[in-house]
Protein backbone atom coordinates (compact mmCIF):
# COMPACT_ATOMS: atom_id res chain seq x y z
CA MET A 1 0.00 0.00 0.00
CA LYS A 2 2.79 2.42 0.96
CA ARG A 3 4.66 1.59 -2.28
CA SER A 4 1.53 2.38 -4.36
CA VAL A 5 1.10 5.77 -2.67
CA ILE A 6 4.75 6.66 -3.39
CA ILE A 7 4.37 5.72 -7.07
CA ILE A 8 1.18 7.76 -7.43
CA TYR A 9 2.87 10.73 -5.72
CA LYS A 10 5.81 10.55 -8.12
CA LEU A 11 3.51 10.35 -11.14
CA ILE A 12 1.58 13.41 -9.95
CA SER A 13 4.84 15.31 -9.38
CA ILE A 14 6.11 14.47 -12.86
CA LEU A 15 2.77 15.47 -14.42
CA PHE A 16 2.77 18.76 -12.48
CA PHE A 17 6.34 19.47 -13.60
CA LEU A 18 5.47 18.79 -17.24
CA ILE A 19 2.41 21.07 -17.09
CA LEU A 20 4.41 23.83 -15.39
CA HIS A 21 7.22 23.48 -17.94
CA GLN A 22 4.79 23.56 -20.85
CA PHE A 23 3.09 26.65 -19.44
CA SER A 24 6.42 28.40 -18.88
CA VAL A 25 7.75 27.86 -22.39
CA CYS A 26 4.51 28.88 -24.16
CA GLN A 27 4.18 32.39 -22.85
CA GLU A 28 6.17 35.59 -22.48
CA ILE A 29 5.56 38.10 -19.72
CA ILE A 30 6.34 41.71 -20.67
CA THR A 31 6.45 43.93 -17.60
CA GLY A 32 6.93 47.23 -19.47
CA GLY A 33 9.70 49.42 -20.87
CA ASN A 34 11.50 49.27 -24.21
CA VAL A 35 10.92 46.36 -26.58
CA SER A 36 12.47 45.35 -29.90
CA GLY A 37 13.48 42.29 -31.86
CA THR A 38 11.01 39.55 -32.78
CA TRP A 39 8.00 38.15 -30.94
CA LYS A 40 7.74 34.54 -32.05
CA ALA A 41 4.64 32.38 -32.42
CA ASP A 42 6.11 29.54 -30.36
CA SER A 43 6.44 31.91 -27.38
CA SER A 44 2.87 33.20 -27.62
CA PRO A 45 0.90 34.54 -25.84
CA TYR A 46 2.78 37.72 -24.95
CA MET A 47 1.26 39.00 -21.71
CA VAL A 48 1.79 42.74 -21.30
CA TYR A 49 1.67 44.13 -17.75
CA GLY A 50 2.85 47.71 -18.41
CA ASN A 51 3.29 50.37 -21.06
CA ILE A 52 5.88 49.36 -23.64
CA SER A 53 7.82 51.42 -26.19
CA ILE A 54 9.71 50.77 -29.41
CA PRO A 55 12.65 53.23 -29.41
CA ASN A 56 13.30 55.46 -32.41
CA ASP A 57 16.30 53.43 -33.53
CA SER A 58 14.62 50.04 -33.17
CA SER A 59 11.91 47.85 -34.61
CA LEU A 60 9.62 45.16 -33.26
CA THR A 61 8.52 42.32 -35.56
CA ILE A 62 5.54 40.16 -34.57
CA GLU A 63 5.13 36.81 -36.27
CA PRO A 64 1.87 35.27 -37.58
CA GLY A 65 -0.10 33.49 -34.88
CA VAL A 66 1.10 35.63 -31.98
CA ASN A 67 -1.51 36.61 -29.40
CA VAL A 68 -0.71 39.87 -27.57
CA VAL A 69 -2.78 40.12 -24.37
CA PHE A 70 -2.78 43.28 -22.26
CA TYR A 71 -3.33 42.97 -18.52
CA GLY A 72 -4.54 46.48 -17.89
CA PRO A 73 -4.95 49.79 -19.81
CA HIS A 74 -1.46 49.70 -21.29
CA CYS A 75 -0.23 50.82 -24.70
CA ILE A 76 2.48 50.28 -27.28
CA SER A 77 4.28 53.55 -28.06
CA VAL A 78 6.01 53.39 -31.42
CA LEU A 79 8.92 55.80 -31.90
CA GLY A 80 10.70 53.39 -34.24
CA ARG A 81 8.99 50.77 -36.36
CA LEU A 82 6.32 48.10 -35.73
CA ILE A 83 6.02 45.22 -38.20
CA ALA A 84 3.01 43.02 -37.38
CA ILE A 85 2.34 40.88 -40.44
CA GLY A 86 0.14 37.84 -40.04
CA SER A 87 -1.32 35.74 -42.83
CA SER A 88 -4.76 34.99 -44.23
CA THR A 89 -4.84 31.78 -42.17
CA ASP A 90 -2.89 32.91 -39.11
CA SER A 91 -3.70 36.37 -37.78
CA ILE A 92 -1.98 38.36 -35.05
CA PHE A 93 -4.32 39.22 -32.16
CA PHE A 94 -4.24 42.29 -29.89
CA SER A 95 -6.75 42.45 -27.04
CA ILE A 96 -7.34 42.66 -23.27
CA ASN A 97 -7.47 39.79 -20.79
CA ASP A 98 -10.61 41.03 -19.00
CA THR A 99 -13.27 43.33 -20.52
CA THR A 100 -15.03 44.04 -17.22
CA GLY A 101 -15.80 47.77 -17.12
CA PHE A 102 -15.17 48.30 -20.84
CA CYS A 103 -18.37 50.34 -21.36
CA ASP A 104 -17.71 52.59 -18.35
CA THR A 105 -16.35 55.80 -19.90
CA THR A 106 -15.44 57.26 -16.49
CA SER A 107 -12.60 54.74 -16.12
CA ASN A 108 -9.99 53.05 -18.28
CA HIS A 109 -10.88 49.57 -17.09
CA GLY A 110 -11.80 46.79 -19.50
CA GLY A 111 -9.62 47.87 -22.43
CA TRP A 112 -6.02 48.32 -23.51
CA HIS A 113 -4.76 51.74 -24.64
CA GLY A 114 -3.87 50.92 -28.23
CA ILE A 115 -0.84 51.55 -30.43
CA ARG A 116 0.44 55.15 -30.29
CA ILE A 117 2.70 56.01 -33.25
CA LEU A 118 4.36 59.39 -32.69
CA ASN A 119 6.80 61.41 -34.82
CA THR A 120 8.70 58.45 -36.21
CA ASP A 121 11.59 58.78 -38.65
CA PRO A 122 10.17 59.53 -42.12
CA VAL A 123 11.97 56.50 -43.56
CA ASP A 124 10.31 54.12 -41.06
CA THR A 125 6.99 52.64 -42.12
CA SER A 126 5.04 50.63 -39.57
CA ILE A 127 2.92 47.83 -41.04
CA LEU A 128 -0.09 46.00 -39.64
CA ARG A 129 -1.37 43.26 -41.91
CA TYR A 130 -3.74 40.40 -41.07
CA CYS A 131 -4.20 41.57 -37.50
CA ASP A 132 -7.27 41.37 -35.26
CA LEU A 133 -7.53 44.31 -32.86
CA SER A 134 -10.31 44.55 -30.28
CA TYR A 135 -11.25 46.23 -27.02
CA GLY A 136 -8.96 49.19 -27.40
CA LYS A 137 -10.15 52.05 -25.21
CA ALA A 138 -9.19 55.72 -24.91
CA THR A 139 -10.54 57.88 -22.08
CA GLY A 140 -9.11 60.25 -19.50
CA GLY A 141 -6.99 63.42 -19.75
CA GLY A 142 -4.00 64.59 -21.75
CA VAL A 143 -3.32 65.50 -25.37
CA GLU A 144 -4.38 62.07 -26.57
CA ALA A 145 -7.40 61.96 -24.29
CA GLY A 146 -10.27 59.93 -25.70
CA LYS A 147 -8.70 59.57 -29.16
CA GLY A 148 -7.80 56.48 -31.15
CA GLY A 149 -9.16 53.29 -29.65
CA VAL A 150 -6.50 51.14 -31.32
CA ILE A 151 -4.34 53.34 -33.58
CA TYR A 152 -3.25 56.90 -32.74
CA THR A 153 -0.81 58.63 -35.11
CA SER A 154 0.62 62.12 -34.96
CA GLY A 155 3.50 63.87 -36.69
CA THR A 156 5.74 62.44 -39.40
CA THR A 157 4.43 58.90 -39.20
CA HIS A 158 4.02 56.44 -42.06
CA VAL A 159 1.67 53.52 -41.48
CA VAL A 160 0.20 50.80 -43.71
CA ILE A 161 -2.84 48.92 -42.36
CA GLU A 162 -4.18 46.12 -44.55
CA ASN A 163 -6.39 43.00 -44.34
CA SER A 164 -7.06 43.54 -40.65
CA THR A 165 -10.13 43.60 -38.43
CA PHE A 166 -10.93 46.36 -35.93
CA HIS A 167 -13.93 45.62 -33.75
CA ASN A 168 -15.47 46.57 -30.42
CA ASN A 169 -13.20 49.52 -29.69
CA LEU A 170 -14.28 52.63 -27.76
CA VAL A 171 -13.22 56.26 -27.31
CA THR A 172 -14.82 59.17 -25.55
CA ARG A 173 -13.71 61.72 -28.12
CA ALA A 174 -12.61 60.80 -31.68
CA GLY A 175 -11.54 57.83 -33.80
CA GLY A 176 -13.17 54.72 -32.36
CA ALA A 177 -10.63 52.49 -34.11
CA ILE A 178 -8.12 54.82 -35.87
CA TYR A 179 -7.13 58.44 -35.21
CA CYS A 180 -4.55 60.31 -37.31
CA THR A 181 -3.52 63.95 -37.37
CA SER A 182 -0.67 66.46 -37.74
CA GLY A 183 1.08 65.28 -40.87
CA SER A 184 0.48 61.54 -40.60
CA SER A 185 0.59 59.41 -43.74
CA LEU A 186 -1.58 56.27 -43.75
CA VAL A 187 -2.81 53.61 -46.12
CA ILE A 188 -5.94 51.87 -44.78
CA ARG A 189 -6.87 49.14 -47.25
CA ASN A 190 -8.98 45.96 -47.32
CA ASN A 191 -9.89 46.03 -43.64
CA ARG A 192 -13.05 45.38 -41.67
CA LEU A 193 -13.95 48.09 -39.15
CA MET A 194 -17.07 47.13 -37.25
CA TYR A 195 -18.85 47.86 -33.97
CA ASN A 196 -16.48 50.65 -32.96
CA LYS A 197 -17.74 53.69 -31.09
CA SER A 198 -16.82 57.31 -30.55
CA TYR A 199 -18.97 59.70 -28.60
CA TYR A 200 -18.14 62.68 -30.80
CA GLU A 201 -16.24 62.24 -34.08
CA GLY A 202 -15.33 59.28 -36.26
CA GLY A 203 -16.98 56.09 -35.10
CA ALA A 204 -14.35 54.07 -36.97
CA ILE A 205 -11.83 56.53 -38.48
CA TYR A 206 -10.87 60.12 -37.67
CA VAL A 207 -8.61 62.06 -40.06
CA GLY A 208 -7.31 65.42 -38.84
CA GLU A 209 -5.36 68.24 -40.45
CA ASP A 210 -2.38 67.89 -42.81
CA CYS A 211 -2.76 64.14 -43.28
CA ASP A 212 -2.01 62.21 -46.44
CA ILE A 213 -4.36 59.24 -46.31
CA LEU A 214 -5.84 56.58 -48.56
CA VAL A 215 -8.93 54.75 -47.29
CA GLU A 216 -9.59 52.04 -49.86
CA SER A 217 -11.74 48.91 -50.20
CA ASN A 218 -12.72 48.60 -46.53
CA ALA A 219 -15.93 47.32 -44.97
CA ILE A 220 -16.91 50.03 -42.47
CA ALA A 221 -20.13 49.03 -40.78
CA PHE A 222 -22.16 49.17 -37.57
CA ASN A 223 -19.97 51.91 -36.10
CA MET A 224 -21.26 54.87 -34.12
CA ALA A 225 -20.30 58.48 -33.39
CA TYR A 226 -23.12 59.55 -31.14
CA PHE A 227 -23.98 60.96 -27.74
CA ILE A 228 -27.19 61.98 -26.03
CA ILE A 229 -27.44 64.19 -22.95
CA TYR A 230 -30.66 64.53 -20.99
CA ASP A 231 -31.37 67.88 -19.38
CA GLY A 232 -34.62 67.72 -17.57
CA SER A 233 -37.32 67.30 -20.19
CA PHE A 234 -34.87 67.95 -23.05
CA ALA A 235 -32.45 65.65 -24.81
CA VAL A 236 -29.42 66.94 -26.70
CA GLU A 237 -27.94 64.68 -29.38
CA GLY A 238 -24.63 65.02 -31.21
CA GLY A 239 -21.82 63.29 -33.04
CA SER A 240 -20.33 63.39 -36.55
CA GLY A 241 -19.00 60.78 -38.95
CA GLY A 242 -20.45 57.44 -37.90
CA GLY A 243 -18.06 55.66 -40.26
CA ILE A 244 -15.43 58.27 -41.21
CA TYR A 245 -14.78 61.82 -40.01
CA VAL A 246 -12.39 63.96 -42.08
CA THR A 247 -11.42 67.55 -41.34
CA ASP A 248 -8.78 69.70 -43.03
CA PRO A 249 -10.36 73.11 -43.62
CA PHE A 250 -7.31 74.92 -45.00
CA SER A 251 -4.77 72.59 -46.60
CA VAL A 252 -4.81 71.74 -50.30
CA GLN A 253 -1.32 70.22 -50.31
CA ASN A 254 -2.14 66.87 -48.73
CA GLY A 255 -4.47 64.20 -50.02
CA VAL A 256 -7.51 62.56 -48.48
CA VAL A 257 -8.81 59.80 -50.75
CA ILE A 258 -11.81 57.66 -49.77
CA VAL A 259 -12.41 55.13 -52.52
CA ASN A 260 -14.32 51.86 -53.07
CA ASN A 261 -15.47 51.34 -49.47
CA PHE A 262 -18.65 49.74 -48.13
CA LEU A 263 -20.14 52.12 -45.54
CA TYR A 264 -23.18 50.33 -44.15
CA ASN A 265 -25.38 50.74 -41.07
CA ASN A 266 -23.27 53.34 -39.28
CA MET A 267 -24.87 55.95 -37.03
CA SER A 268 -24.28 59.61 -36.28
CA ILE A 269 -26.20 62.87 -36.24
CA ASN A 270 -24.01 64.45 -38.93
CA GLY A 271 -22.81 62.16 -41.70
CA GLY A 272 -23.84 58.66 -40.74
CA GLY A 273 -21.47 57.23 -43.35
CA ILE A 274 -18.99 60.08 -43.92
CA TYR A 275 -18.61 63.58 -42.48
CA GLU A 276 -16.11 65.79 -44.27
CA SER A 277 -15.09 69.35 -43.56
CA CYS A 278 -12.19 69.74 -45.97
CA LYS A 279 -10.83 72.20 -48.46
CA GLU A 280 -10.15 69.22 -50.73
CA VAL A 281 -11.31 65.59 -50.47
CA PHE A 282 -11.81 62.81 -53.02
CA ILE A 283 -14.76 60.46 -52.35
CA SER A 284 -15.26 57.97 -55.17
CA GLY A 285 -16.76 54.55 -55.81
CA ASN A 286 -18.22 54.03 -52.32
CA ALA A 287 -21.49 52.33 -51.38
CA VAL A 288 -22.97 54.47 -48.60
CA CYS A 289 -26.19 52.75 -47.62
CA ASN A 290 -28.58 52.27 -44.69
CA ASN A 291 -26.78 54.70 -42.41
CA SER A 292 -28.37 56.99 -39.84
CA ARG A 293 -28.99 59.87 -40.08
CA ASN A 294 -27.63 60.65 -43.51
CA GLY A 295 -25.18 59.19 -45.95
CA ILE A 296 -22.55 61.91 -46.55
CA MET A 297 -22.40 65.36 -44.99
CA ASN A 298 -20.23 68.22 -46.23
CA GLY A 299 -19.57 70.68 -43.40
CA HIS A 300 -17.15 73.11 -45.10
CA GLY A 301 -18.85 76.14 -46.62
CA MET A 302 -16.04 76.63 -49.14
CA GLY A 303 -15.05 73.01 -49.67
CA LYS A 304 -14.16 71.78 -53.15
CA GLY A 305 -14.57 68.08 -52.56
CA LYS A 306 -15.14 65.63 -55.38
CA TYR A 307 -17.93 63.06 -55.02
CA PHE A 308 -17.71 60.68 -58.00
CA ASN A 309 -19.50 57.39 -58.73
CA ASN A 310 -20.92 56.72 -55.28
CA THR A 311 -24.06 54.71 -54.54
CA ILE A 312 -25.81 56.63 -51.76
CA CYS A 313 -29.03 54.84 -50.91
CA ASN A 314 -31.55 54.10 -48.16
CA ASN A 315 -30.05 56.42 -45.56
CA SER A 316 -32.54 57.82 -43.04
CA PRO A 317 -33.97 60.05 -41.63
CA ASN A 318 -32.05 63.09 -43.00
CA ALA A 319 -31.49 62.64 -46.76
CA GLY A 320 -28.66 61.05 -48.72
CA ILE A 321 -26.26 64.01 -49.02
CA ILE A 322 -26.23 67.16 -46.87
CA VAL A 323 -24.23 70.05 -48.29
CA TRP A 324 -22.93 73.43 -47.10
CA SER A 325 -20.68 74.27 -50.04
CA GLN A 326 -21.84 75.08 -53.55
CA SER A 327 -18.35 74.32 -54.91
CA LEU A 328 -18.47 70.54 -54.65
CA ARG A 329 -18.24 68.37 -57.77
CA ILE A 330 -21.02 65.77 -57.55
CA GLU A 331 -20.94 63.53 -60.62
CA ASN A 332 -21.90 60.00 -61.68
CA ASN A 333 -23.68 59.18 -58.41
CA VAL A 334 -26.83 57.22 -57.66
CA VAL A 335 -28.78 58.94 -54.87
CA TRP A 336 -31.94 56.96 -54.27
CA GLY A 337 -34.30 55.71 -51.57
CA ASN A 338 -33.02 58.07 -48.89
CA VAL A 339 -35.56 59.38 -46.38
CA ASP A 340 -35.74 62.96 -45.10
CA ASN A 341 -38.37 63.37 -42.41
CA TYR A 342 -37.93 67.16 -42.40
CA SER A 343 -38.13 67.66 -46.15
CA PRO A 344 -39.93 64.61 -47.56
CA GLY A 345 -38.64 63.40 -50.88
CA THR A 346 -35.35 65.29 -50.63
CA GLN A 347 -32.26 63.29 -51.60
CA ILE A 348 -29.70 66.13 -51.58
CA PHE A 349 -30.28 68.80 -48.95
CA TYR A 350 -28.48 72.15 -49.14
CA TYR A 351 -28.31 74.44 -46.12
CA ASN A 352 -27.44 77.67 -47.93
CA HIS A 353 -30.75 78.20 -49.69
CA GLY A 354 -30.63 79.91 -53.05
CA GLN A 355 -27.19 78.54 -53.96
CA VAL A 356 -27.49 74.87 -54.77
CA PRO A 357 -24.50 72.65 -55.59
CA GLU A 358 -24.08 71.48 -59.15
CA VAL A 359 -24.87 67.83 -59.81
CA PHE A 360 -24.18 66.14 -63.16
CA TYR A 361 -24.76 62.72 -64.73
CA SER A 362 -26.41 61.31 -61.63
CA ASP A 363 -29.57 59.33 -60.94
CA VAL A 364 -31.38 61.32 -58.26
CA GLN A 365 -34.78 60.25 -57.04
CA ASN A 366 -37.44 62.94 -57.62
CA GLY A 367 -35.06 64.69 -60.00
CA TYR A 368 -32.30 67.26 -59.71
CA PRO A 369 -31.34 69.98 -62.21
CA GLY A 370 -28.09 69.43 -64.08
CA GLU A 371 -26.64 68.07 -67.29
CA GLY A 372 -27.03 64.32 -67.74
CA ASN A 373 -29.12 63.77 -64.60
CA ILE A 374 -31.95 61.24 -64.67
CA ASP A 375 -34.80 60.25 -62.35
CA GLU A 376 -35.31 56.55 -63.01
CA VAL A 377 -35.39 53.50 -60.72
CA PRO A 378 -31.76 52.31 -60.67
CA GLU A 379 -32.68 48.62 -60.90
CA PHE A 380 -30.34 47.24 -58.27
CA VAL A 381 -29.93 43.47 -58.15
CA ASN A 382 -31.23 43.17 -54.57
CA PRO A 383 -31.54 46.45 -52.65
CA ALA A 384 -32.29 46.59 -48.93
CA GLU A 385 -35.99 46.38 -48.20
CA GLY A 386 -36.10 49.73 -46.43
CA ALA A 387 -34.18 52.80 -45.30
CA GLY A 388 -32.15 53.27 -42.14
CA ILE A 389 -30.09 51.10 -39.83
CA SER A 390 -32.93 48.64 -39.17
CA PHE A 391 -32.20 47.04 -42.54
CA ASN A 392 -28.87 45.22 -42.90
CA SER A 393 -27.18 46.50 -46.04
CA PHE A 394 -24.78 43.55 -46.07
CA GLU A 395 -27.76 41.37 -47.01
CA ALA A 396 -28.38 43.58 -50.05
CA ASP A 397 -26.74 43.67 -53.48
CA TRP A 398 -26.32 47.21 -54.80
CA SER A 399 -24.90 46.20 -58.16
CA LEU A 400 -26.86 47.03 -61.32
CA LYS A 401 -29.09 44.73 -63.30
CA SER A 402 -28.40 44.59 -67.02
CA ASN A 403 -31.54 46.65 -67.68
CA SER A 404 -30.48 49.47 -65.34
CA PRO A 405 -30.90 52.99 -66.75
CA CYS A 406 -27.61 53.89 -65.00
CA ILE A 407 -25.50 51.78 -67.39
CA ASN A 408 -23.43 53.82 -69.86
CA LYS A 409 -25.05 57.01 -68.53
CA GLY A 410 -22.15 58.52 -66.56
CA LYS A 411 -20.07 61.44 -67.70
CA PRO A 412 -18.88 60.77 -71.28
CA ASP A 413 -15.48 62.38 -70.75
CA THR A 414 -13.83 61.20 -67.53
CA SER A 415 -10.52 62.95 -68.17
CA GLY A 416 -9.32 64.80 -65.12
CA MET A 417 -11.46 62.74 -62.74
CA VAL A 418 -8.53 60.45 -61.77
CA LEU A 419 -10.90 57.54 -61.18
CA PRO A 420 -9.67 54.21 -59.81
CA PHE A 421 -9.11 51.48 -62.39
CA VAL A 422 -11.59 49.13 -60.72
CA ASP A 423 -15.03 49.52 -59.21
CA ILE A 424 -16.08 48.62 -55.67
CA ALA A 425 -16.33 44.92 -56.63
CA GLY A 426 -12.85 44.89 -58.16
CA ASN A 427 -14.09 44.82 -61.75
CA PRO A 428 -12.84 47.14 -64.52
CA ARG A 429 -14.17 50.63 -63.85
CA ILE A 430 -15.22 51.30 -67.44
CA TYR A 431 -16.72 48.25 -69.14
CA GLY A 432 -18.29 49.23 -72.43
CA ASN A 433 -18.10 52.59 -74.06
CA ARG A 434 -18.98 54.81 -71.12
CA ILE A 435 -18.82 54.79 -67.35
CA GLU A 436 -21.85 53.82 -65.25
CA MET A 437 -23.54 55.89 -62.57
CA GLY A 438 -22.83 54.64 -59.06
CA ALA A 439 -20.21 52.46 -57.40
CA TYR A 440 -20.71 49.35 -59.53
CA GLU A 441 -19.76 48.85 -63.16
CA ASN A 442 -22.04 46.35 -64.89
CA GLN A 443 -19.93 43.62 -66.52
CA TYR A 444 -22.56 42.04 -68.78
CA VAL A 445 -23.57 44.77 -71.17
CA ALA A 446 -22.33 44.41 -74.73
CA PHE A 447 -20.31 47.16 -76.34
CA LEU A 448 -22.37 49.54 -78.41
CA THR A 449 -20.50 49.41 -81.70
CA LEU A 450 -22.05 52.54 -83.11
CA GLU A 451 -20.66 54.56 -80.23
CA MET A 452 -17.18 53.09 -80.32
CA ASP A 453 -14.33 55.54 -80.76
CA PRO A 454 -12.71 54.58 -84.09
CA ASP A 455 -9.35 55.80 -82.79
CA SER A 456 -9.51 53.69 -79.62
CA VAL A 457 -6.02 53.07 -78.36
CA THR A 458 -3.97 50.18 -77.06
CA VAL A 459 -1.19 50.86 -74.58
CA TYR A 460 1.95 48.70 -74.43
CA ILE A 461 4.18 48.85 -71.32
CA MET A 462 7.49 47.02 -70.80
CA PRO A 463 8.55 45.96 -68.24
CA ASN A 464 5.66 46.05 -65.76
CA PRO A 465 6.55 45.94 -62.87
CA CYS A 466 9.59 48.12 -63.49
CA ALA A 467 12.65 48.90 -61.37
CA GLU A 468 13.79 52.31 -62.65
CA TYR A 469 12.74 52.68 -66.30
CA PHE A 470 9.78 51.52 -68.33
CA SER A 471 8.91 51.99 -71.99
CA ILE A 472 5.40 52.87 -73.07
CA LEU A 473 3.91 52.90 -76.55
CA PHE A 474 0.53 54.37 -77.48
CA ASN A 475 -0.99 52.90 -80.62
CA GLU A 476 -2.37 56.33 -81.47
CA VAL A 477 -2.42 58.18 -84.78
CA ASN A 478 1.20 58.28 -85.91
CA GLY A 479 3.31 61.25 -84.85
CA GLN A 480 0.94 62.88 -82.37
CA THR A 481 2.57 64.56 -79.40
CA GLY A 482 1.03 64.38 -75.97
CA LYS A 483 1.58 64.52 -72.24
CA LEU A 484 2.10 61.60 -69.85
CA SER A 485 1.18 62.01 -66.16
CA ILE A 486 1.83 59.58 -63.30
CA TYR A 487 -0.23 59.69 -60.09
CA ASN A 488 0.38 57.96 -56.76
CA SER A 489 -2.29 55.91 -54.95
CA CYS A 490 -3.70 59.08 -53.37
CA GLY A 491 -4.26 60.70 -56.76
CA LYS A 492 -1.36 63.15 -56.48
CA PRO A 493 0.66 63.86 -59.63
CA VAL A 494 4.27 62.73 -59.13
CA LEU A 495 5.70 62.72 -62.65
CA GLU A 496 5.04 64.31 -66.05
CA SER A 497 6.69 63.79 -69.42
CA ASP A 498 6.21 64.67 -73.06
CA ILE A 499 5.35 61.67 -75.24
CA VAL A 500 4.99 60.82 -78.93
CA SER A 501 2.56 58.27 -80.35
CA ARG A 502 3.69 55.12 -82.19
CA LYS A 503 7.07 55.42 -80.45
CA GLN A 504 8.59 53.74 -77.41
CA ASN A 505 8.76 56.50 -74.80
CA ARG A 506 11.29 55.69 -72.05
CA ILE A 507 10.17 56.94 -68.65
CA TYR A 508 12.36 57.14 -65.51
CA MET A 509 10.73 56.27 -62.14
CA GLY A 510 13.89 55.64 -60.13
CA ASP A 511 13.26 58.53 -57.74
CA LEU A 512 9.77 57.29 -56.79
CA PRO A 513 9.09 54.83 -53.95
CA ASP A 514 7.89 51.32 -54.72
CA GLY A 515 4.16 50.99 -55.19
CA ILE A 516 1.24 51.06 -57.59
CA TYR A 517 0.87 54.13 -59.79
CA PHE A 518 -1.86 55.29 -62.11
CA GLY A 519 -1.04 56.99 -65.38
CA THR A 520 -2.68 58.92 -68.18
CA GLY A 521 -1.55 59.61 -71.71
CA ARG A 522 -3.16 62.69 -73.25
CA PHE A 523 -3.37 63.16 -77.01
CA LYS A 524 -5.42 66.12 -78.22
CA SER A 525 -8.72 65.84 -76.35
CA LYS A 526 -8.43 62.14 -75.50
CA VAL A 527 -7.05 60.67 -72.27
CA HIS A 528 -5.95 57.03 -72.04
CA LYS A 529 -5.34 55.35 -68.67
CA PHE A 530 -2.87 52.71 -67.55
CA LEU A 531 -1.36 51.21 -64.40
CA ILE A 532 2.34 50.78 -63.67
CA VAL A 533 3.95 48.98 -60.71
CA LYS A 534 7.30 50.18 -59.35
CA ASN A 535 9.25 47.42 -57.58
CA ARG A 536 13.04 47.48 -57.30
């Protein structure tokens, strides 16, 4: 009997040792301070018990499959470079160990304090790709108070955020998931931003002054920028930019490009989908549907924003587009099924009565004056059954049926519009002889031969991708001279050159950073588009 007890005791001791050893080698405890190097998947999870910082001469690389768990309201301050690149099958996770108290805005309990990227070296680009970021929370005092639930950038920062998911993040001021300002440069592409909340501005994304930002091909849905204060028998409501809030009232040097995004079922008082108060902004190819209280709101009385090829439908209860400036360019849009309880039937509401914005080549319900405008049912494949956030726009299909009156009815000459090469579904932007109205380009309509341009051109590019030089040949009428322009992903011109048709024109791109560039070749009144990839 005694021998059996001893054997059992030894077995239990060995088992306990093995469990303890396994636990010790499969986790890393980070108490705070400076961090750098590589966080490896076989050491995950990384348990963070204090604020950590990446110094300005260092970088931190996080491998696919790593789980970063914060034990308290701690943050990652990035003064150097953060490289967190997961994969489509093995994401990197950032979250909190205990969400108790997350919804209490009077404390910082229940959430971690996000990634704060501040005045990094201009040559350092932080990258987050295939990451899952949740329960970031920003409250309290200080310069960063209540801003940026997960990402906060300020100063000369360069950040690329792709193929990631931001969900259930909270701030008391601005930027439920992402906040950028003061010269930041960001690419936000192919992400899902859902169920984030700000009490004032930017339920998902806040973009401040002097930023150079591309927001492309994201699903931005079910976010909120909203507050309500009860004062006796009165209730005061507020909030702007349920999905995206953009403000840059003076600068025309930097670029804000919002293109090919799904903005569904977001909520705010001003601009349920997008609120913009900018001197210049480019909003193109987006589906802005079933938001509350309106789809897009322009809040800059002298803004010169460009709204091209958006589908703005079923927003309620304050119209599809609300406008302060008469200097906007509103072209090739579908504005339909929006509800305005204060001005029934209104799809585009303008505050400054007597000076209405110009709208061209758009399908506007109940009609709108302007060249090329129509008032015909758009014939969507499967629109939402009603207006407002009670109807899930993700269950709808806002693409066009083949009998849609919006097909081949957009602006005939798209030169100067700097449109993306693909529509919101990733299909060629112009399929046929003329661009469609709205965010979707129908791919099943035959070319109308009688309207074909007899001098239609073919463009030959070699090599593509290129390292420093590429050659381009336009199969245009022999001997014509023209102008070639190259634009970066934000639509900014970065290179111009004289060109000649039917000749190999050698173009130097060695001084430009790697990336995807859009180009145009202009001959007489015609503009021909192409894409070139720079990759050393």
